[in-house]
C-alpha atoms as a PDB file:
ATOM      1  CA  MET A   1      55.097 124.926 123.580  1.00  0.00           C
ATOM      2  CA  ASN A   2      53.519 128.166 122.394  1.00  0.00           C
ATOM      3  CA  PHE A   3      50.848 127.424 119.767  1.00  0.00           C
ATOM      4  CA  ALA A   4      52.030 130.170 117.421  1.00  0.00           C
ATOM      5  CA  ASP A   5      55.573 128.799 117.572  1.00  0.00           C
ATOM      6  CA  ARG A   6      54.400 125.256 116.782  1.00  0.00           C
ATOM      7  CA  LEU A   7      52.333 126.438 113.841  1.00  0.00           C
ATOM      8  CA  ALA A   8      55.168 128.599 112.524  1.00  0.00           C
ATOM      9  CA  GLU A   9      57.619 125.691 112.775  1.00  0.00           C
ATOM     10  CA  ILE A  10      55.342 123.286 110.895  1.00  0.00           C
ATOM     11  CA  SER A  11      54.708 125.908 108.238  1.00  0.00           C
ATOM     12  CA  ARG A  12      58.453 126.477 107.798  1.00  0.00           C
ATOM     13  CA  SER A  13      59.331 122.800 107.711  1.00  0.00           C
ATOM     14  CA  LYS A  14      56.717 122.048 105.051  1.00  0.00           C
ATOM     15  CA  ARG A  15      57.159 125.339 103.193  1.00  0.00           C
ATOM     16  CA  SER A  16      53.396 125.665 103.362  1.00  0.00           C
ATOM     17  CA  VAL A  17      50.881 128.189 104.660  1.00  0.00           C
ATOM     18  CA  ALA A  18      48.023 126.108 103.233  1.00  0.00           C
ATOM     19  CA  ILE A  19      45.498 124.419 105.490  1.00  0.00           C
ATOM     20  CA  LEU A  20      42.634 122.073 104.674  1.00  0.00           C
ATOM     21  CA  GLY A  21      39.105 122.918 105.711  1.00  0.00           C
ATOM     22  CA  VAL A  22      37.437 119.583 106.410  1.00  0.00           C
ATOM     23  CA  ASP A  23      33.898 120.481 105.391  1.00  0.00           C
ATOM     24  CA  PRO A  24      31.961 117.354 104.341  1.00  0.00           C
ATOM     25  CA  GLN A  25      28.971 119.012 102.702  1.00  0.00           C
ATOM     26  CA  LEU A  26      25.430 117.780 103.197  1.00  0.00           C
ATOM     27  CA  ASP A  27      23.730 116.009 100.294  1.00  0.00           C
ATOM     28  CA  THR A  28      22.249 118.103  97.471  1.00  0.00           C
ATOM     29  CA  ALA A  29      20.126 117.186  94.487  1.00  0.00           C
ATOM     30  CA  GLU A  30      23.255 117.360  92.293  1.00  0.00           C
ATOM     31  CA  ASN A  31      25.870 115.641  94.433  1.00  0.00           C
ATOM     32  CA  PRO A  32      26.136 113.584  97.607  1.00  0.00           C
ATOM     33  CA  GLY A  33      28.134 115.167 100.432  1.00  0.00           C
ATOM     34  CA  VAL A  34      30.076 111.933 100.810  1.00  0.00           C
ATOM     35  CA  PRO A  35      31.241 110.299  97.549  1.00  0.00           C
ATOM     36  CA  ARG A  36      29.732 106.949  96.709  1.00  0.00           C
ATOM     37  CA  GLY A  37      31.794 104.075  98.077  1.00  0.00           C
ATOM     38  CA  PHE A  38      33.042 106.080 101.082  1.00  0.00           C
ATOM     39  CA  THR A  39      31.854 106.426 104.646  1.00  0.00           C
ATOM     40  CA  LEU A  40      31.959 109.904 106.177  1.00  0.00           C
ATOM     41  CA  ALA A  41      34.996 109.108 108.307  1.00  0.00           C
ATOM     42  CA  GLN A  42      36.768 107.377 105.429  1.00  0.00           C
ATOM     43  CA  PHE A  43      36.208 110.304 103.054  1.00  0.00           C
ATOM     44  CA  CYS A  44      37.448 112.877 105.554  1.00  0.00           C
ATOM     45  CA  CYS A  45      40.378 110.874 106.915  1.00  0.00           C
ATOM     46  CA  GLU A  46      41.650 109.729 103.519  1.00  0.00           C
ATOM     47  CA  THR A  47      41.440 113.321 102.270  1.00  0.00           C
ATOM     48  CA  VAL A  48      43.448 114.560 105.258  1.00  0.00           C
ATOM     49  CA  GLU A  49      46.052 111.841 104.782  1.00  0.00           C
ATOM     50  CA  ALA A  50      46.371 112.519 101.045  1.00  0.00           C
ATOM     51  CA  CYS A  51      46.780 116.262 101.576  1.00  0.00           C
ATOM     52  CA  ALA A  52      49.108 116.023 104.590  1.00  0.00           C
ATOM     53  CA  PRO A  53      52.385 116.567 102.655  1.00  0.00           C
ATOM     54  CA  SER A  54      51.112 119.925 101.356  1.00  0.00           C
ATOM     55  CA  ILE A  55      49.378 121.424 104.400  1.00  0.00           C
ATOM     56  CA  ALA A  56      50.306 122.677 107.851  1.00  0.00           C
ATOM     57  CA  ALA A  57      46.945 122.169 109.537  1.00  0.00           C
ATOM     58  CA  ILE A  58      43.348 121.089 109.191  1.00  0.00           C
ATOM     59  CA  LYS A  59      40.258 123.102 110.110  1.00  0.00           C
ATOM     60  CA  PRO A  60      37.208 120.859 110.513  1.00  0.00           C
ATOM     61  CA  GLN A  61      33.916 122.751 110.327  1.00  0.00           C
ATOM     62  CA  LEU A  62      31.854 121.470 113.268  1.00  0.00           C
ATOM     63  CA  ALA A  63      28.486 122.190 111.628  1.00  0.00           C
ATOM     64  CA  PHE A  64      28.904 119.463 109.024  1.00  0.00           C
ATOM     65  CA  PHE A  65      29.724 116.884 111.679  1.00  0.00           C
ATOM     66  CA  GLU A  66      27.078 118.024 114.157  1.00  0.00           C
ATOM     67  CA  ALA A  67      24.403 117.897 111.461  1.00  0.00           C
ATOM     68  CA  ARG A  68      25.063 114.173 111.102  1.00  0.00           C
ATOM     69  CA  GLY A  69      24.486 113.421 114.784  1.00  0.00           C
ATOM     70  CA  LEU A  70      26.473 110.809 116.688  1.00  0.00           C
ATOM     71  CA  ASP A  71      27.961 109.314 113.534  1.00  0.00           C
ATOM     72  CA  GLY A  72      29.138 112.765 112.515  1.00  0.00           C
ATOM     73  CA  MET A  73      30.823 113.468 115.829  1.00  0.00           C
ATOM     74  CA  ARG A  74      32.484 110.050 115.820  1.00  0.00           C
ATOM     75  CA  ALA A  75      33.858 110.915 112.381  1.00  0.00           C
ATOM     76  CA  PHE A  76      35.083 114.256 113.744  1.00  0.00           C
ATOM     77  CA  VAL A  77      37.042 112.432 116.446  1.00  0.00           C
ATOM     78  CA  GLU A  78      38.541 110.106 113.826  1.00  0.00           C
ATOM     79  CA  VAL A  79      39.605 113.106 111.744  1.00  0.00           C
ATOM     80  CA  LEU A  80      41.391 114.617 114.753  1.00  0.00           C
ATOM     81  CA  ARG A  81      43.164 111.340 115.474  1.00  0.00           C
ATOM     82  CA  THR A  82      44.295 111.071 111.866  1.00  0.00           C
ATOM     83  CA  ALA A  83      45.614 114.627 111.831  1.00  0.00           C
ATOM     84  CA  ARG A  84      47.559 114.128 115.062  1.00  0.00           C
ATOM     85  CA  ARG A  85      49.104 110.930 113.739  1.00  0.00           C
ATOM     86  CA  LEU A  86      50.269 112.885 110.695  1.00  0.00           C
ATOM     87  CA  GLY A  87      51.728 115.719 112.769  1.00  0.00           C
ATOM     88  CA  LEU A  88      49.173 118.300 111.617  1.00  0.00           C
ATOM     89  CA  ILE A  89      47.816 121.184 113.685  1.00  0.00           C
ATOM     90  CA  THR A  90      44.063 120.894 114.385  1.00  0.00           C
ATOM     91  CA  ILE A  91      41.785 123.940 114.425  1.00  0.00           C
ATOM     92  CA  ALA A  92      38.136 123.461 115.399  1.00  0.00           C
ATOM     93  CA  ASP A  93      36.060 125.792 113.250  1.00  0.00           C
ATOM     94  CA  ALA A  94      33.366 126.070 115.918  1.00  0.00           C
ATOM     95  CA  LYS A  95      32.880 129.872 116.093  1.00  0.00           C
ATOM     96  CA  ARG A  96      31.818 129.520 119.712  1.00  0.00           C
ATOM     97  CA  GLY A  97      31.157 132.418 122.048  1.00  0.00           C
ATOM     98  CA  ASP A  98      28.966 132.891 125.090  1.00  0.00           C
ATOM     99  CA  ILE A  99      29.399 134.211 128.625  1.00  0.00           C
ATOM    100  CA  GLY A 100      30.596 132.966 131.982  1.00  0.00           C
ATOM    101  CA  SER A 101      30.436 129.260 132.681  1.00  0.00           C
ATOM    102  CA  THR A 102      29.002 128.502 129.220  1.00  0.00           C
ATOM    103  CA  SER A 103      31.983 130.026 127.447  1.00  0.00           C
ATOM    104  CA  ALA A 104      34.296 128.205 129.855  1.00  0.00           C
ATOM    105  CA  ALA A 105      32.569 124.929 128.975  1.00  0.00           C
ATOM    106  CA  TYR A 106      33.024 125.583 125.252  1.00  0.00           C
ATOM    107  CA  ALA A 107      36.701 126.312 125.870  1.00  0.00           C
ATOM    108  CA  GLU A 108      37.096 123.062 127.796  1.00  0.00           C
ATOM    109  CA  ALA A 109      35.297 121.108 125.052  1.00  0.00           C
ATOM    110  CA  PHE A 110      37.589 122.261 122.250  1.00  0.00           C
ATOM    111  CA  LEU A 111      40.802 123.287 124.026  1.00  0.00           C
ATOM    112  CA  GLY A 112      40.795 120.839 126.926  1.00  0.00           C
ATOM    113  CA  ASP A 113      41.786 117.184 126.980  1.00  0.00           C
ATOM    114  CA  GLY A 114      38.510 115.529 125.952  1.00  0.00           C
ATOM    115  CA  ASP A 115      37.341 113.754 122.818  1.00  0.00           C
ATOM    116  CA  PHE A 116      36.869 116.977 120.825  1.00  0.00           C
ATOM    117  CA  ALA A 117      40.073 118.695 121.942  1.00  0.00           C
ATOM    118  CA  CYS A 118      41.995 120.556 119.230  1.00  0.00           C
ATOM    119  CA  ASP A 119      45.093 122.727 119.126  1.00  0.00           C
ATOM    120  CA  ALA A 120      43.022 125.827 118.435  1.00  0.00           C
ATOM    121  CA  VAL A 121      39.454 127.029 117.949  1.00  0.00           C
ATOM    122  CA  THR A 122      37.630 129.871 116.194  1.00  0.00           C
ATOM    123  CA  VAL A 123      35.747 132.241 118.516  1.00  0.00           C
ATOM    124  CA  ASN A 124      32.961 134.784 118.013  1.00  0.00           C
ATOM    125  CA  PRO A 125      33.808 137.963 119.994  1.00  0.00           C
ATOM    126  CA  TYR A 126      30.482 139.800 119.743  1.00  0.00           C
ATOM    127  CA  GLN A 127      29.643 139.301 123.428  1.00  0.00           C
ATOM    128  CA  GLY A 128      32.892 140.966 124.389  1.00  0.00           C
ATOM    129  CA  ALA A 129      35.680 139.833 126.693  1.00  0.00           C
ATOM    130  CA  ASP A 130      33.284 137.592 128.640  1.00  0.00           C
ATOM    131  CA  ALA A 131      33.082 135.421 125.529  1.00  0.00           C
ATOM    132  CA  THR A 132      36.777 135.356 124.667  1.00  0.00           C
ATOM    133  CA  MET A 133      38.638 135.245 127.984  1.00  0.00           C
ATOM    134  CA  PRO A 134      37.914 131.576 128.852  1.00  0.00           C
ATOM    135  CA  PHE A 135      39.431 130.591 125.496  1.00  0.00           C
ATOM    136  CA  ILE A 136      42.391 132.939 125.793  1.00  0.00           C
ATOM    137  CA  ALA A 137      43.131 131.497 129.239  1.00  0.00           C
ATOM    138  CA  LYS A 138      43.894 128.189 127.493  1.00  0.00           C
ATOM    139  CA  VAL A 139      46.805 129.642 125.502  1.00  0.00           C
ATOM    140  CA  ARG A 140      48.992 129.215 128.578  1.00  0.00           C
ATOM    141  CA  ARG A 141      48.589 125.475 127.998  1.00  0.00           C
ATOM    142  CA  GLY A 142      49.807 125.673 124.416  1.00  0.00           C
ATOM    143  CA  ARG A 143      46.428 126.215 122.750  1.00  0.00           C
ATOM    144  CA  GLY A 144      45.477 128.806 120.133  1.00  0.00           C
ATOM    145  CA  VAL A 145      42.481 131.055 119.519  1.00  0.00           C
ATOM    146  CA  PHE A 146      41.348 132.651 116.257  1.00  0.00           C
ATOM    147  CA  VAL A 147      38.910 135.514 116.829  1.00  0.00           C
ATOM    148  CA  LEU A 148      36.476 136.437 114.055  1.00  0.00           C
ATOM    149  CA  VAL A 149      37.488 139.910 112.875  1.00  0.00           C
ATOM    150  CA  LYS A 150      36.545 140.432 109.210  1.00  0.00           C
ATOM    151  CA  THR A 151      34.902 137.344 107.781  1.00  0.00           C
ATOM    152  CA  SER A 152      34.909 136.261 104.136  1.00  0.00           C
ATOM    153  CA  ASN A 153      31.146 136.132 103.466  1.00  0.00           C
ATOM    154  CA  PRO A 154      29.463 138.753 101.218  1.00  0.00           C
ATOM    155  CA  ALA A 155      27.224 140.120 104.005  1.00  0.00           C
ATOM    156  CA  SER A 156      30.013 140.477 106.561  1.00  0.00           C
ATOM    157  CA  GLY A 157      29.980 144.253 106.223  1.00  0.00           C
ATOM    158  CA  GLU A 158      26.371 144.480 107.411  1.00  0.00           C
ATOM    159  CA  PHE A 159      27.661 144.759 110.976  1.00  0.00           C
ATOM    160  CA  GLN A 160      31.447 144.503 110.744  1.00  0.00           C
ATOM    161  CA  ASP A 161      31.825 147.627 108.599  1.00  0.00           C
ATOM    162  CA  LEU A 162      29.591 149.876 110.744  1.00  0.00           C
ATOM    163  CA  PRO A 163      31.374 153.029 111.971  1.00  0.00           C
ATOM    164  CA  SER A 164      32.217 152.893 115.674  1.00  0.00           C
ATOM    165  CA  PRO A 165      32.427 155.985 115.423  1.00  0.00           C
ATOM    166  CA  ASP A 166      35.843 156.750 113.953  1.00  0.00           C
ATOM    167  CA  ARG A 167      36.570 153.447 112.203  1.00  0.00           C
ATOM    168  CA  PRO A 168      34.752 150.271 111.137  1.00  0.00           C
ATOM    169  CA  LEU A 169      33.716 147.989 113.970  1.00  0.00           C
ATOM    170  CA  TRP A 170      35.949 145.184 112.702  1.00  0.00           C
ATOM    171  CA  GLU A 171      39.001 147.414 113.182  1.00  0.00           C
ATOM    172  CA  LYS A 172      38.038 147.944 116.816  1.00  0.00           C
ATOM    173  CA  ILE A 173      37.846 144.177 117.233  1.00  0.00           C
ATOM    174  CA  ALA A 174      41.247 143.778 115.555  1.00  0.00           C
ATOM    175  CA  GLU A 175      42.651 146.311 117.990  1.00  0.00           C
ATOM    176  CA  ARG A 176      41.298 144.285 120.918  1.00  0.00           C
ATOM    177  CA  VAL A 177      42.755 141.066 119.481  1.00  0.00           C
ATOM    178  CA  ALA A 178      46.156 142.730 119.315  1.00  0.00           C
ATOM    179  CA  GLY A 179      45.821 143.754 122.945  1.00  0.00           C
ATOM    180  CA  TRP A 180      44.588 140.351 124.139  1.00  0.00           C
ATOM    181  CA  GLY A 181      47.494 138.602 122.452  1.00  0.00           C
ATOM    182  CA  SER A 182      50.315 140.939 123.423  1.00  0.00           C
ATOM    183  CA  ASP A 183      51.143 139.065 126.645  1.00  0.00           C
ATOM    184  CA  PHE A 184      51.605 135.696 124.949  1.00  0.00           C
ATOM    185  CA  VAL A 185      54.066 136.325 122.106  1.00  0.00           C
ATOM    186  CA  GLY A 186      56.337 133.356 121.460  1.00  0.00           C
ATOM    187  CA  GLU A 187      59.869 133.003 120.156  1.00  0.00           C
ATOM    188  CA  SER A 188      58.517 133.281 116.608  1.00  0.00           C
ATOM    189  CA  GLY A 189      57.395 136.826 117.372  1.00  0.00           C
ATOM    190  CA  LEU A 190      53.783 135.722 116.953  1.00  0.00           C
ATOM    191  CA  SER A 191      50.907 135.440 119.375  1.00  0.00           C
ATOM    192  CA  PRO A 192      48.642 132.393 119.814  1.00  0.00           C
ATOM    193  CA  VAL A 193      45.716 134.831 119.990  1.00  0.00           C
ATOM    194  CA  GLY A 194      45.036 135.208 116.286  1.00  0.00           C
ATOM    195  CA  ALA A 195      42.341 136.481 113.977  1.00  0.00           C
ATOM    196  CA  VAL A 196      40.120 135.330 111.132  1.00  0.00           C
ATOM    197  CA  VAL A 197      40.186 137.724 108.163  1.00  0.00           C
ATOM    198  CA  GLY A 198      38.892 136.722 104.729  1.00  0.00           C
ATOM    199  CA  ALA A 199      40.905 136.622 101.507  1.00  0.00           C
ATOM    200  CA  THR A 200      37.834 138.047  99.776  1.00  0.00           C
ATOM    201  CA  TYR A 201      38.674 141.454 101.311  1.00  0.00           C
ATOM    202  CA  PRO A 202      42.389 141.935 100.512  1.00  0.00           C
ATOM    203  CA  GLU A 203      42.470 145.653 101.353  1.00  0.00           C
ATOM    204  CA  GLN A 204      40.998 145.004 104.767  1.00  0.00           C
ATOM    205  CA  LEU A 205      43.345 142.045 105.167  1.00  0.00           C
ATOM    206  CA  SER A 206      46.342 144.301 104.645  1.00  0.00           C
ATOM    207  CA  ARG A 207      44.889 146.798 107.107  1.00  0.00           C
ATOM    208  CA  ALA A 208      44.298 143.991 109.623  1.00  0.00           C
ATOM    209  CA  ARG A 209      47.967 143.021 109.437  1.00  0.00           C
ATOM    210  CA  ALA A 210      48.943 146.604 110.211  1.00  0.00           C
ATOM    211  CA  ILE A 211      46.634 146.687 113.250  1.00  0.00           C
ATOM    212  CA  MET A 212      47.681 143.215 114.481  1.00  0.00           C
ATOM    213  CA  PRO A 213      51.421 142.920 113.707  1.00  0.00           C
ATOM    214  CA  LEU A 214      51.940 140.030 116.144  1.00  0.00           C
ATOM    215  CA  ALA A 215      48.814 137.990 115.409  1.00  0.00           C
ATOM    216  CA  THR A 216      48.662 134.815 113.387  1.00  0.00           C
ATOM    217  CA  ILE A 217      45.937 135.469 110.811  1.00  0.00           C
ATOM    218  CA  LEU A 218      43.762 132.624 109.565  1.00  0.00           C
ATOM    219  CA  VAL A 219      42.611 133.491 106.047  1.00  0.00           C
ATOM    220  CA  PRO A 220      39.455 131.761 104.743  1.00  0.00           C
ATOM    221  CA  GLY A 221      37.782 132.445 101.414  1.00  0.00           C
ATOM    222  CA  TYR A 222      40.475 131.020  99.120  1.00  0.00           C
ATOM    223  CA  GLY A 223      39.225 129.042  96.137  1.00  0.00           C
ATOM    224  CA  THR A 224      35.485 128.476  95.900  1.00  0.00           C
ATOM    225  CA  GLN A 225      34.625 131.794  97.573  1.00  0.00           C
ATOM    226  CA  GLY A 226      36.797 133.687  95.095  1.00  0.00           C
ATOM    227  CA  GLY A 227      39.906 134.598  97.048  1.00  0.00           C
ATOM    228  CA  THR A 228      43.239 134.153  95.236  1.00  0.00           C
ATOM    229  CA  ALA A 229      46.819 133.600  96.353  1.00  0.00           C
ATOM    230  CA  ALA A 230      47.592 137.235  95.572  1.00  0.00           C
ATOM    231  CA  ASP A 231      44.689 138.287  97.811  1.00  0.00           C
ATOM    232  CA  ALA A 232      45.590 135.957 100.681  1.00  0.00           C
ATOM    233  CA  ILE A 233      49.224 136.987 101.046  1.00  0.00           C
ATOM    234  CA  ALA A 234      48.111 140.453 102.126  1.00  0.00           C
ATOM    235  CA  ALA A 235      48.050 138.811 105.574  1.00  0.00           C
ATOM    236  CA  ALA A 236      51.780 138.085 105.511  1.00  0.00           C
ATOM    237  CA  ARG A 237      54.306 139.898 107.651  1.00  0.00           C
ATOM    238  CA  THR A 238      57.365 141.348 105.940  1.00  0.00           C
ATOM    239  CA  ASP A 239      59.221 138.066 106.532  1.00  0.00           C
ATOM    240  CA  ALA A 240      56.362 136.142 104.847  1.00  0.00           C
ATOM    241  CA  SER A 241      55.259 134.616 108.165  1.00  0.00           C
ATOM    242  CA  GLY A 242      52.255 135.008 110.441  1.00  0.00           C
ATOM    243  CA  PHE A 243      49.384 133.627 108.387  1.00  0.00           C
ATOM    244  CA  ILE A 244      47.714 130.466 107.154  1.00  0.00           C
ATOM    245  CA  VAL A 245      45.248 130.119 104.285  1.00  0.00           C
ATOM    246  CA  ASN A 246      42.261 127.799 104.290  1.00  0.00           C
ATOM    247  CA  ALA A 247      40.574 126.051 101.389  1.00  0.00           C
ATOM    248  CA  SER A 248      37.719 123.632 101.900  1.00  0.00           C
ATOM    249  CA  ARG A 249      35.377 122.669  99.063  1.00  0.00           C
ATOM    250  CA  SER A 250      37.886 123.431  96.313  1.00  0.00           C
ATOM    251  CA  ILE A 251      40.123 120.701  97.753  1.00  0.00           C
ATOM    252  CA  MET A 252      37.710 118.175  99.247  1.00  0.00           C
ATOM    253  CA  TYR A 253      35.547 118.144  96.131  1.00  0.00           C
ATOM    254  CA  ALA A 254      38.269 118.618  93.531  1.00  0.00           C
ATOM    255  CA  TYR A 255      37.392 115.159  92.198  1.00  0.00           C
ATOM    256  CA  LEU A 256      34.166 116.576  90.734  1.00  0.00           C
ATOM    257  CA  LYS A 257      36.298 118.451  88.194  1.00  0.00           C
ATOM    258  CA  ALA A 258      38.976 115.772  87.803  1.00  0.00           C
ATOM    259  CA  SER A 259      37.513 113.051  85.665  1.00  0.00           C
ATOM    260  CA  GLY A 260      38.699 109.551  86.517  1.00  0.00           C
ATOM    261  CA  LYS A 261      40.514 110.507  89.713  1.00  0.00           C
ATOM    262  CA  LYS A 262      39.563 109.234  93.138  1.00  0.00           C
ATOM    263  CA  PRO A 263      38.612 111.892  95.727  1.00  0.00           C
ATOM    264  CA  PRO A 264      41.805 111.635  97.835  1.00  0.00           C
ATOM    265  CA  GLU A 265      44.031 111.760  94.745  1.00  0.00           C
ATOM    266  CA  ALA A 266      42.276 114.826  93.343  1.00  0.00           C
ATOM    267  CA  ALA A 267      42.360 116.505  96.759  1.00  0.00           C
ATOM    268  CA  ALA A 268      46.098 115.916  97.112  1.00  0.00           C
ATOM    269  CA  GLU A 269      46.762 117.519  93.732  1.00  0.00           C
ATOM    270  CA  ALA A 270      44.542 120.509  94.586  1.00  0.00           C
ATOM    271  CA  ALA A 271      46.291 120.999  97.935  1.00  0.00           C
ATOM    272  CA  GLU A 272      49.732 120.931  96.348  1.00  0.00           C
ATOM    273  CA  THR A 273      48.606 123.352  93.636  1.00  0.00           C
ATOM    274  CA  MET A 274      47.386 125.684  96.370  1.00  0.00           C
ATOM    275  CA  ARG A 275      50.657 125.401  98.308  1.00  0.00           C
ATOM    276  CA  LEU A 276      52.706 126.223  95.234  1.00  0.00           C
ATOM    277  CA  ALA A 277      50.439 129.125  94.252  1.00  0.00           C
ATOM    278  CA  LEU A 278      50.757 130.718  97.683  1.00  0.00           C
ATOM    279  CA  ASN A 279      54.535 130.232  97.728  1.00  0.00           C
ATOM    280  CA  SER A 280      54.819 131.739  94.259  1.00  0.00           C
ATOM    281  CA  ALA A 281      52.771 134.766  95.280  1.00  0.00           C
ATOM    282  CA  LEU A 282      54.904 135.231  98.403  1.00  0.00           C
ATOM    283  CA  SER A 283      58.084 134.960  96.332  1.00  0.00           C
ATOM    284  CA  GLN A 284      56.912 137.645  93.916  1.00  0.00           C
ATOM    285  CA  GLN A 285      55.889 139.903  96.802  1.00  0.00           C
ATOM    286  CA  THR A 286      59.295 139.718  98.505  1.00  0.00           C
ATOM    287  CA  ARG A 287      61.372 140.390  95.375  1.00  0.00           C
END
């Protein structure tokens, strides 16, 4: 089944465009990345399970698992298994991109049938079509691709906003994403070749939707990075479809601001609050 159609159906059935970024932070002087009394896998999997009623998908950030070596990657596999059991879409936040056989190997690693296989993956397009085509080829097998277009970080404009020459570079990339995805549109009217555009840039997010009317847009930057529900829904199509919104630390570490609550319990409440906030913003927009 077309990835965009599967994601749209789950989002409709749960009345949720919220997704959970599974980002188990590394230890700091102030707080451990994994709460005391939990293993890495237990913390991540119990958080996913607690949040499952409120979210459509998970987006594990590979860096936090890779940094922990073999134990980290074993935990990553456990997180994927948990998400599948719960009927959640899995998106590997790997931001991979290379050329030729290397890019094909990355695509097989995350969109194939191996231990790390997910429903979709994030891709860095800055080496051009050579970097993206091996991933896009996988959409015929029901996989999805989210191409970095306008990212949520403060320095994103250093390169992405450069004129090229008649418009910012990120708009050129958005234009290419629209073209790459046009041959794969599903029954939902959406393409499995999507884009990553941050909630921290709502004007650009609205512009991105205009350039990519058929793309599913993955919106990071909600919560800890400062993006709000009102910002994020700029990615929505006129029928309120076509986008998902990610929150990571603000959900996984909600227990730090919820005295007396266990991490999974606090995460579940934060995820449901996010779901309701996004639905409320969408409702106000469509009135």
